[in-house]
């Protein structure tokens, strides 16, 4: 098996483009985490709205 990099430092440096590569991965990870948090909050609000609607229907 041939490895492209001779050491772990070479891997992280990515031939000089490592900063941009790893910052891109970091930005993607941040966007995914923010989206997951947003989804959880929207789900919680939707479930609360459904429960509130059920309570209003039960009162009538």
N, C-alpha and C. Protein backbone atom coordinates (compact mmCIF):
# COMPACT_ATOMS: atom_id res chain seq x y z
N UNK A 1 0.84 -1.18 0.00
CA UNK A 1 0.00 0.00 0.00
C UNK A 1 0.89 1.24 0.00
N UNK A 2 0.71 2.11 -0.97
CA UNK A 2 1.48 3.35 -1.04
C UNK A 2 0.72 4.47 -0.36
N UNK A 3 1.42 5.18 0.51
CA UNK A 3 0.84 6.35 1.16
C UNK A 3 1.31 7.60 0.42
N UNK A 4 0.44 8.58 0.36
CA UNK A 4 0.79 9.81 -0.32
C UNK A 4 1.69 10.69 0.53
N UNK A 5 1.62 10.54 1.84
CA UNK A 5 2.38 11.39 2.74
C UNK A 5 3.39 10.56 3.50
N UNK A 6 4.54 11.16 3.78
CA UNK A 6 5.61 10.46 4.48
C UNK A 6 5.44 10.49 5.99
N UNK A 7 4.67 11.46 6.48
CA UNK A 7 4.47 11.57 7.93
C UNK A 7 3.10 12.20 8.20
N UNK A 8 2.72 12.18 9.46
CA UNK A 8 1.45 12.79 9.85
C UNK A 8 1.48 14.30 9.61
N UNK A 9 2.62 14.92 9.81
CA UNK A 9 2.74 16.36 9.58
C UNK A 9 2.52 16.69 8.10
N UNK A 10 3.04 15.84 7.22
CA UNK A 10 2.80 16.04 5.79
C UNK A 10 1.32 15.89 5.46
N UNK A 11 0.67 14.94 6.12
CA UNK A 11 -0.77 14.76 5.90
C UNK A 11 -1.53 16.02 6.30
N UNK A 12 -1.27 16.54 7.49
CA UNK A 12 -1.99 17.72 7.97
C UNK A 12 -1.66 18.95 7.13
N UNK A 13 -0.45 19.05 6.60
CA UNK A 13 -0.05 20.20 5.79
C UNK A 13 -0.66 20.13 4.39
N UNK A 14 -0.93 18.93 3.89
CA UNK A 14 -1.55 18.74 2.57
C UNK A 14 -0.80 19.48 1.46
N UNK A 15 0.48 19.42 1.50
CA UNK A 15 1.28 20.05 0.45
C UNK A 15 1.15 21.57 0.44
N UNK A 16 0.91 22.17 1.59
CA UNK A 16 0.79 23.62 1.67
C UNK A 16 -0.64 24.12 1.63
N UNK A 17 -1.58 23.27 1.27
CA UNK A 17 -2.98 23.68 1.18
C UNK A 17 -3.78 23.21 2.39
N UNK A 18 -3.10 22.66 3.39
CA UNK A 18 -3.77 22.10 4.56
C UNK A 18 -4.67 23.09 5.27
N UNK A 19 -4.22 24.33 5.40
CA UNK A 19 -5.03 25.35 6.10
C UNK A 19 -6.39 25.48 5.43
N UNK A 20 -6.41 25.59 4.13
CA UNK A 20 -7.67 25.77 3.40
C UNK A 20 -8.52 24.51 3.43
N UNK A 21 -7.88 23.35 3.32
CA UNK A 21 -8.60 22.08 3.36
C UNK A 21 -9.26 21.90 4.71
N UNK A 22 -8.50 22.06 5.79
CA UNK A 22 -9.05 21.82 7.12
C UNK A 22 -10.03 22.91 7.55
N UNK A 23 -9.83 24.13 7.10
CA UNK A 23 -10.82 25.18 7.38
C UNK A 23 -12.13 24.89 6.64
N UNK A 24 -12.05 24.33 5.45
CA UNK A 24 -13.24 23.95 4.70
C UNK A 24 -14.00 22.85 5.43
N UNK A 25 -13.27 21.84 5.90
CA UNK A 25 -13.92 20.78 6.68
C UNK A 25 -14.51 21.35 7.96
N UNK A 26 -13.81 22.26 8.60
CA UNK A 26 -14.32 22.88 9.82
C UNK A 26 -15.59 23.68 9.57
N UNK A 27 -15.61 24.43 8.47
CA UNK A 27 -16.80 25.22 8.13
C UNK A 27 -17.98 24.29 7.83
N UNK A 28 -17.72 23.19 7.14
CA UNK A 28 -18.78 22.23 6.87
C UNK A 28 -19.31 21.61 8.16
N UNK A 29 -18.42 21.22 9.04
CA UNK A 29 -18.83 20.65 10.32
C UNK A 29 -19.65 21.64 11.12
N UNK A 30 -19.23 22.89 11.15
CA UNK A 30 -19.97 23.93 11.86
C UNK A 30 -21.36 24.11 11.27
N UNK A 31 -21.47 24.13 9.96
CA UNK A 31 -22.77 24.28 9.30
C UNK A 31 -23.69 23.10 9.62
N UNK A 32 -23.14 21.89 9.63
CA UNK A 32 -23.96 20.71 9.94
C UNK A 32 -24.43 20.75 11.39
N UNK A 33 -23.57 21.13 12.31
CA UNK A 33 -23.95 21.22 13.72
C UNK A 33 -25.03 22.28 13.91
N UNK A 34 -24.87 23.44 13.28
CA UNK A 34 -25.88 24.50 13.38
C UNK A 34 -27.21 24.03 12.80
N UNK A 35 -27.17 23.32 11.69
CA UNK A 35 -28.39 22.81 11.08
C UNK A 35 -29.08 21.79 11.99
N UNK A 36 -28.31 20.91 12.60
CA UNK A 36 -28.90 19.92 13.51
C UNK A 36 -29.54 20.58 14.72
N UNK A 37 -28.89 21.59 15.26
CA UNK A 37 -29.47 22.33 16.39
C UNK A 37 -30.75 23.02 15.96
N UNK A 38 -30.73 23.65 14.78
CA UNK A 38 -31.92 24.31 14.26
C UNK A 38 -33.07 23.34 14.04
N UNK A 39 -32.75 22.16 13.50
CA UNK A 39 -33.78 21.13 13.30
C UNK A 39 -34.40 20.70 14.63
N UNK A 40 -33.57 20.51 15.63
CA UNK A 40 -34.07 20.10 16.94
C UNK A 40 -34.98 21.17 17.54
N UNK A 41 -34.59 22.43 17.41
CA UNK A 41 -35.42 23.52 17.93
C UNK A 41 -36.74 23.64 17.18
N UNK A 42 -36.70 23.52 15.85
CA UNK A 42 -37.94 23.58 15.07
C UNK A 42 -38.86 22.41 15.39
N UNK A 43 -38.28 21.24 15.60
CA UNK A 43 -39.09 20.07 15.96
C UNK A 43 -39.76 20.30 17.30
N UNK A 44 -39.00 20.81 18.26
CA UNK A 44 -39.56 21.06 19.59
C UNK A 44 -40.71 22.06 19.51
N UNK A 45 -40.52 23.13 18.73
CA UNK A 45 -41.60 24.13 18.57
C UNK A 45 -42.82 23.53 17.88
N UNK A 46 -42.60 22.70 16.88
CA UNK A 46 -43.71 22.09 16.15
C UNK A 46 -44.50 21.16 17.07
N UNK A 47 -43.80 20.36 17.86
CA UNK A 47 -44.47 19.46 18.79
C UNK A 47 -45.24 20.24 19.85
N UNK A 48 -44.68 21.36 20.32
CA UNK A 48 -45.38 22.19 21.29
C UNK A 48 -46.64 22.79 20.68
N UNK A 49 -46.56 23.21 19.42
CA UNK A 49 -47.73 23.79 18.75
C UNK A 49 -48.81 22.72 18.56
N UNK A 50 -48.44 21.52 18.23
CA UNK A 50 -49.40 20.43 18.08
C UNK A 50 -50.07 20.14 19.42
N UNK A 51 -49.27 20.09 20.47
CA UNK A 51 -49.83 19.83 21.80
C UNK A 51 -50.79 20.94 22.22
N UNK A 52 -50.42 22.17 21.93
CA UNK A 52 -51.29 23.30 22.26
C UNK A 52 -52.60 23.21 21.48
N UNK A 53 -52.51 22.84 20.22
CA UNK A 53 -53.72 22.70 19.41
C UNK A 53 -54.61 21.58 19.94
N UNK A 54 -54.01 20.48 20.36
CA UNK A 54 -54.78 19.37 20.93
C UNK A 54 -55.49 19.81 22.21
N UNK A 55 -54.79 20.59 23.05
CA UNK A 55 -55.39 21.07 24.29
C UNK A 55 -56.58 21.99 23.99
N UNK A 56 -56.44 22.86 22.99
CA UNK A 56 -57.53 23.75 22.61
C UNK A 56 -58.72 22.96 22.09
N UNK A 57 -58.45 21.91 21.31
CA UNK A 57 -59.55 21.08 20.79
C UNK A 57 -60.23 20.31 21.92
N UNK A 58 -59.46 19.90 22.92
CA UNK A 58 -60.03 19.15 24.04
C UNK A 58 -60.94 20.04 24.88
N UNK A 59 -60.65 21.33 24.96
CA UNK A 59 -61.46 22.26 25.74
C UNK A 59 -62.82 22.49 25.09
N UNK A 60 -62.91 22.39 23.78
CA UNK A 60 -64.16 22.67 23.06
C UNK A 60 -65.03 21.50 23.00
